[in-house]
Amino acid sequence: DAIPQVLSGQINPGRVFDRTISLADVPAGYQAMDDRTALKVMVTP
């Protein structure tokens, strides 16, 4: 539900996500969360 608000700039994703990765790096994002080096990862197209 928050995606439209993030995309429009109403919500600053920096406050929600602590890492941004590309779609190709999704496995690395899951690994970072598993390793506890990231809490929330945002995937960009």
PDB file of N, CA and C in Angstrom:
ATOM      1  N   ASP A   1       0.806  -1.202   0.000  1.00  0.00           N
ATOM      2  CA  ASP A   1       0.000   0.000   0.000  1.00  0.00           C
ATOM      3  C   ASP A   1       0.850   1.267   0.000  1.00  0.00           C
ATOM      4  N   ALA A   2       2.086   1.182   0.484  1.00  0.00           N
ATOM      5  CA  ALA A   2       2.934   2.368   0.567  1.00  0.00           C
ATOM      6  C   ALA A   2       3.667   2.671  -0.734  1.00  0.00           C
ATOM      7  N   ILE A   3       3.685   1.734  -1.672  1.00  0.00           N
ATOM      8  CA  ILE A   3       4.476   1.922  -2.890  1.00  0.00           C
ATOM      9  C   ILE A   3       4.073   3.187  -3.659  1.00  0.00           C
ATOM     10  N   PRO A   4       2.791   3.455  -3.894  1.00  0.00           N
ATOM     11  CA  PRO A   4       2.449   4.690  -4.603  1.00  0.00           C
ATOM     12  C   PRO A   4       2.933   5.946  -3.867  1.00  0.00           C
ATOM     13  N   GLN A   5       2.881   5.922  -2.547  1.00  0.00           N
ATOM     14  CA  GLN A   5       3.334   7.078  -1.774  1.00  0.00           C
ATOM     15  C   GLN A   5       4.851   7.236  -1.847  1.00  0.00           C
ATOM     16  N   VAL A   6       5.577   6.141  -1.870  1.00  0.00           N
ATOM     17  CA  VAL A   6       7.032   6.209  -2.028  1.00  0.00           C
ATOM     18  C   VAL A   6       7.369   6.753  -3.408  1.00  0.00           C
ATOM     19  N   LEU A   7       6.708   6.230  -4.438  1.00  0.00           N
ATOM     20  CA  LEU A   7       6.991   6.655  -5.804  1.00  0.00           C
ATOM     21  C   LEU A   7       6.629   8.117  -6.050  1.00  0.00           C
ATOM     22  N   SER A   8       5.601   8.608  -5.383  1.00  0.00           N
ATOM     23  CA  SER A   8       5.196  10.002  -5.564  1.00  0.00           C
ATOM     24  C   SER A   8       6.002  10.960  -4.699  1.00  0.00           C
ATOM     25  N   GLY A   9       6.802  10.423  -3.781  1.00  0.00           N
ATOM     26  CA  GLY A   9       7.611  11.272  -2.914  1.00  0.00           C
ATOM     27  C   GLY A   9       6.945  11.651  -1.610  1.00  0.00           C
ATOM     28  N   GLN A  10       5.723  11.163  -1.357  1.00  0.00           N
ATOM     29  CA  GLN A  10       5.035  11.474  -0.109  1.00  0.00           C
ATOM     30  C   GLN A  10       5.715  10.820   1.086  1.00  0.00           C
ATOM     31  N   ILE A  11       6.305   9.653   0.875  1.00  0.00           N
ATOM     32  CA  ILE A  11       7.027   8.940   1.930  1.00  0.00           C
ATOM     33  C   ILE A  11       8.481   8.850   1.508  1.00  0.00           C
ATOM     34  N   ASN A  12       9.386   9.172   2.415  1.00  0.00           N
ATOM     35  CA  ASN A  12      10.812   9.064   2.146  1.00  0.00           C
ATOM     36  C   ASN A  12      11.253   7.637   2.440  1.00  0.00           C
ATOM     37  N   PRO A  13      11.610   6.851   1.416  1.00  0.00           N
ATOM     38  CA  PRO A  13      11.971   5.453   1.661  1.00  0.00           C
ATOM     39  C   PRO A  13      13.244   5.297   2.481  1.00  0.00           C
ATOM     40  N   GLY A  14      14.031   6.353   2.588  1.00  0.00           N
ATOM     41  CA  GLY A  14      15.221   6.290   3.427  1.00  0.00           C
ATOM     42  C   GLY A  14      14.873   6.026   4.877  1.00  0.00           C
ATOM     43  N   ARG A  15      13.691   6.383   5.258  1.00  0.00           N
ATOM     44  CA  ARG A  15      13.252   6.145   6.634  1.00  0.00           C
ATOM     45  C   ARG A  15      12.699   4.735   6.815  1.00  0.00           C
ATOM     46  N   VAL A  16      12.383   4.085   5.710  1.00  0.00           N
ATOM     47  CA  VAL A  16      11.807   2.745   5.772  1.00  0.00           C
ATOM     48  C   VAL A  16      12.847   1.691   5.412  1.00  0.00           C
ATOM     49  N   PHE A  17      13.611   1.945   4.360  1.00  0.00           N
ATOM     50  CA  PHE A  17      14.585   0.983   3.844  1.00  0.00           C
ATOM     51  C   PHE A  17      15.999   1.435   4.183  1.00  0.00           C
ATOM     52  N   ASP A  18      16.871   0.489   4.469  1.00  0.00           N
ATOM     53  CA  ASP A  18      18.257   0.864   4.752  1.00  0.00           C
ATOM     54  C   ASP A  18      19.214   0.446   3.645  1.00  0.00           C
ATOM     55  N   ARG A  19      18.690  -0.145   2.576  1.00  0.00           N
ATOM     56  CA  ARG A  19      19.518  -0.496   1.420  1.00  0.00           C
ATOM     57  C   ARG A  19      18.635  -0.537   0.183  1.00  0.00           C
ATOM     58  N   THR A  20      19.183  -0.070  -0.933  1.00  0.00           N
ATOM     59  CA  THR A  20      18.489  -0.105  -2.218  1.00  0.00           C
ATOM     60  C   THR A  20      19.326  -0.925  -3.182  1.00  0.00           C
ATOM     61  N   ILE A  21      18.665  -1.860  -3.874  1.00  0.00           N
ATOM     62  CA  ILE A  21      19.369  -2.730  -4.813  1.00  0.00           C
ATOM     63  C   ILE A  21      18.596  -2.807  -6.116  1.00  0.00           C
ATOM     64  N   SER A  22      19.272  -3.261  -7.157  1.00  0.00           N
ATOM     65  CA  SER A  22      18.598  -3.455  -8.443  1.00  0.00           C
ATOM     66  C   SER A  22      17.891  -4.806  -8.445  1.00  0.00           C
ATOM     67  N   LEU A  23      17.017  -4.981  -9.401  1.00  0.00           N
ATOM     68  CA  LEU A  23      16.284  -6.239  -9.518  1.00  0.00           C
ATOM     69  C   LEU A  23      17.244  -7.417  -9.684  1.00  0.00           C
ATOM     70  N   ALA A  24      18.330  -7.199 -10.392  1.00  0.00           N
ATOM     71  CA  ALA A  24      19.312  -8.271 -10.613  1.00  0.00           C
ATOM     72  C   ALA A  24      20.028  -8.679  -9.332  1.00  0.00           C
ATOM     73  N   ASP A  25      20.028  -7.799  -8.318  1.00  0.00           N
ATOM     74  CA  ASP A  25      20.739  -8.076  -7.068  1.00  0.00           C
ATOM     75  C   ASP A  25      19.832  -8.561  -5.942  1.00  0.00           C
ATOM     76  N   VAL A  26      18.617  -8.983  -6.277  1.00  0.00           N
ATOM     77  CA  VAL A  26      17.680  -9.451  -5.248  1.00  0.00           C
ATOM     78  C   VAL A  26      18.275 -10.560  -4.375  1.00  0.00           C
ATOM     79  N   PRO A  27      18.960 -11.562  -4.934  1.00  0.00           N
ATOM     80  CA  PRO A  27      19.551 -12.581  -4.058  1.00  0.00           C
ATOM     81  C   PRO A  27      20.522 -11.986  -3.034  1.00  0.00           C
ATOM     82  N   ALA A  28      21.296 -10.993  -3.443  1.00  0.00           N
ATOM     83  CA  ALA A  28      22.221 -10.342  -2.507  1.00  0.00           C
ATOM     84  C   ALA A  28      21.449  -9.580  -1.434  1.00  0.00           C
ATOM     85  N   GLY A  29      20.305  -9.016  -1.788  1.00  0.00           N
ATOM     86  CA  GLY A  29      19.474  -8.326  -0.806  1.00  0.00           C
ATOM     87  C   GLY A  29      18.937  -9.279   0.243  1.00  0.00           C
ATOM     88  N   TYR A  30      18.478 -10.443  -0.202  1.00  0.00           N
ATOM     89  CA  TYR A  30      18.015 -11.447   0.760  1.00  0.00           C
ATOM     90  C   TYR A  30      19.165 -11.917   1.645  1.00  0.00           C
ATOM     91  N   GLN A  31      20.340 -12.076   1.058  1.00  0.00           N
ATOM     92  CA  GLN A  31      21.501 -12.502   1.839  1.00  0.00           C
ATOM     93  C   GLN A  31      21.857 -11.444   2.880  1.00  0.00           C
ATOM     94  N   ALA A  32      21.800 -10.184   2.508  1.00  0.00           N
ATOM     95  CA  ALA A  32      22.099  -9.104   3.451  1.00  0.00           C
ATOM     96  C   ALA A  32      21.116  -9.115   4.617  1.00  0.00           C
ATOM     97  N   MET A  33      19.841  -9.360   4.333  1.00  0.00           N
ATOM     98  CA  MET A  33      18.866  -9.436   5.423  1.00  0.00           C
ATOM     99  C   MET A  33      19.115 -10.668   6.277  1.00  0.00           C
ATOM    100  N   ASP A  34      19.474 -11.777   5.655  1.00  0.00           N
ATOM    101  CA  ASP A  34      19.783 -12.995   6.399  1.00  0.00           C
ATOM    102  C   ASP A  34      21.011 -12.807   7.279  1.00  0.00           C
ATOM    103  N   ASP A  35      22.011 -12.075   6.758  1.00  0.00           N
ATOM    104  CA  ASP A  35      23.237 -11.805   7.517  1.00  0.00           C
ATOM    105  C   ASP A  35      23.050 -10.700   8.546  1.00  0.00           C
ATOM    106  N   ARG A  36      21.886 -10.087   8.550  1.00  0.00           N
ATOM    107  CA  ARG A  36      21.553  -8.986   9.454  1.00  0.00           C
ATOM    108  C   ARG A  36      22.399  -7.735   9.200  1.00  0.00           C
ATOM    109  N   THR A  37      22.860  -7.561   7.946  1.00  0.00           N
ATOM    110  CA  THR A  37      23.551  -6.326   7.585  1.00  0.00           C
ATOM    111  C   THR A  37      22.586  -5.323   6.970  1.00  0.00           C
ATOM    112  N   ALA A  38      21.355  -5.762   6.723  1.00  0.00           N
ATOM    113  CA  ALA A  38      20.287  -4.888   6.238  1.00  0.00           C
ATOM    114  C   ALA A  38      18.989  -5.331   6.886  1.00  0.00           C
ATOM    115  N   LEU A  39      18.166  -4.355   7.254  1.00  0.00           N
ATOM    116  CA  LEU A  39      16.864  -4.678   7.842  1.00  0.00           C
ATOM    117  C   LEU A  39      15.775  -4.717   6.785  1.00  0.00           C
ATOM    118  N   LYS A  40      15.735  -3.691   5.948  1.00  0.00           N
ATOM    119  CA  LYS A  40      14.739  -3.605   4.877  1.00  0.00           C
ATOM    120  C   LYS A  40      15.467  -3.211   3.600  1.00  0.00           C
ATOM    121  N   VAL A  41      15.219  -3.947   2.534  1.00  0.00           N
ATOM    122  CA  VAL A  41      15.874  -3.700   1.256  1.00  0.00           C
ATOM    123  C   VAL A  41      14.817  -3.305   0.231  1.00  0.00           C
ATOM    124  N   MET A  42      15.062  -2.193  -0.453  1.00  0.00           N
ATOM    125  CA  MET A  42      14.157  -1.753  -1.510  1.00  0.00           C
ATOM    126  C   MET A  42      14.746  -2.169  -2.851  1.00  0.00           C
ATOM    127  N   VAL A  43      13.917  -2.785  -3.688  1.00  0.00           N
ATOM    128  CA  VAL A  43      14.344  -3.232  -5.011  1.00  0.00           C
ATOM    129  C   VAL A  43      13.869  -2.210  -6.040  1.00  0.00           C
ATOM    130  N   THR A  44      14.805  -1.752  -6.880  1.00  0.00           N
ATOM    131  CA  THR A  44      14.458  -0.820  -7.947  1.00  0.00           C
ATOM    132  C   THR A  44      14.514  -1.545  -9.283  1.00  0.00           C
ATOM    133  N   PRO A  45      13.660  -1.159 -10.218  1.00  0.00           N
ATOM    134  CA  PRO A  45      13.656  -1.840 -11.519  1.00  0.00           C
ATOM    135  C   PRO A  45      14.911  -1.547 -12.335  1.00  0.00           C
TER     136      PRO A  45
END
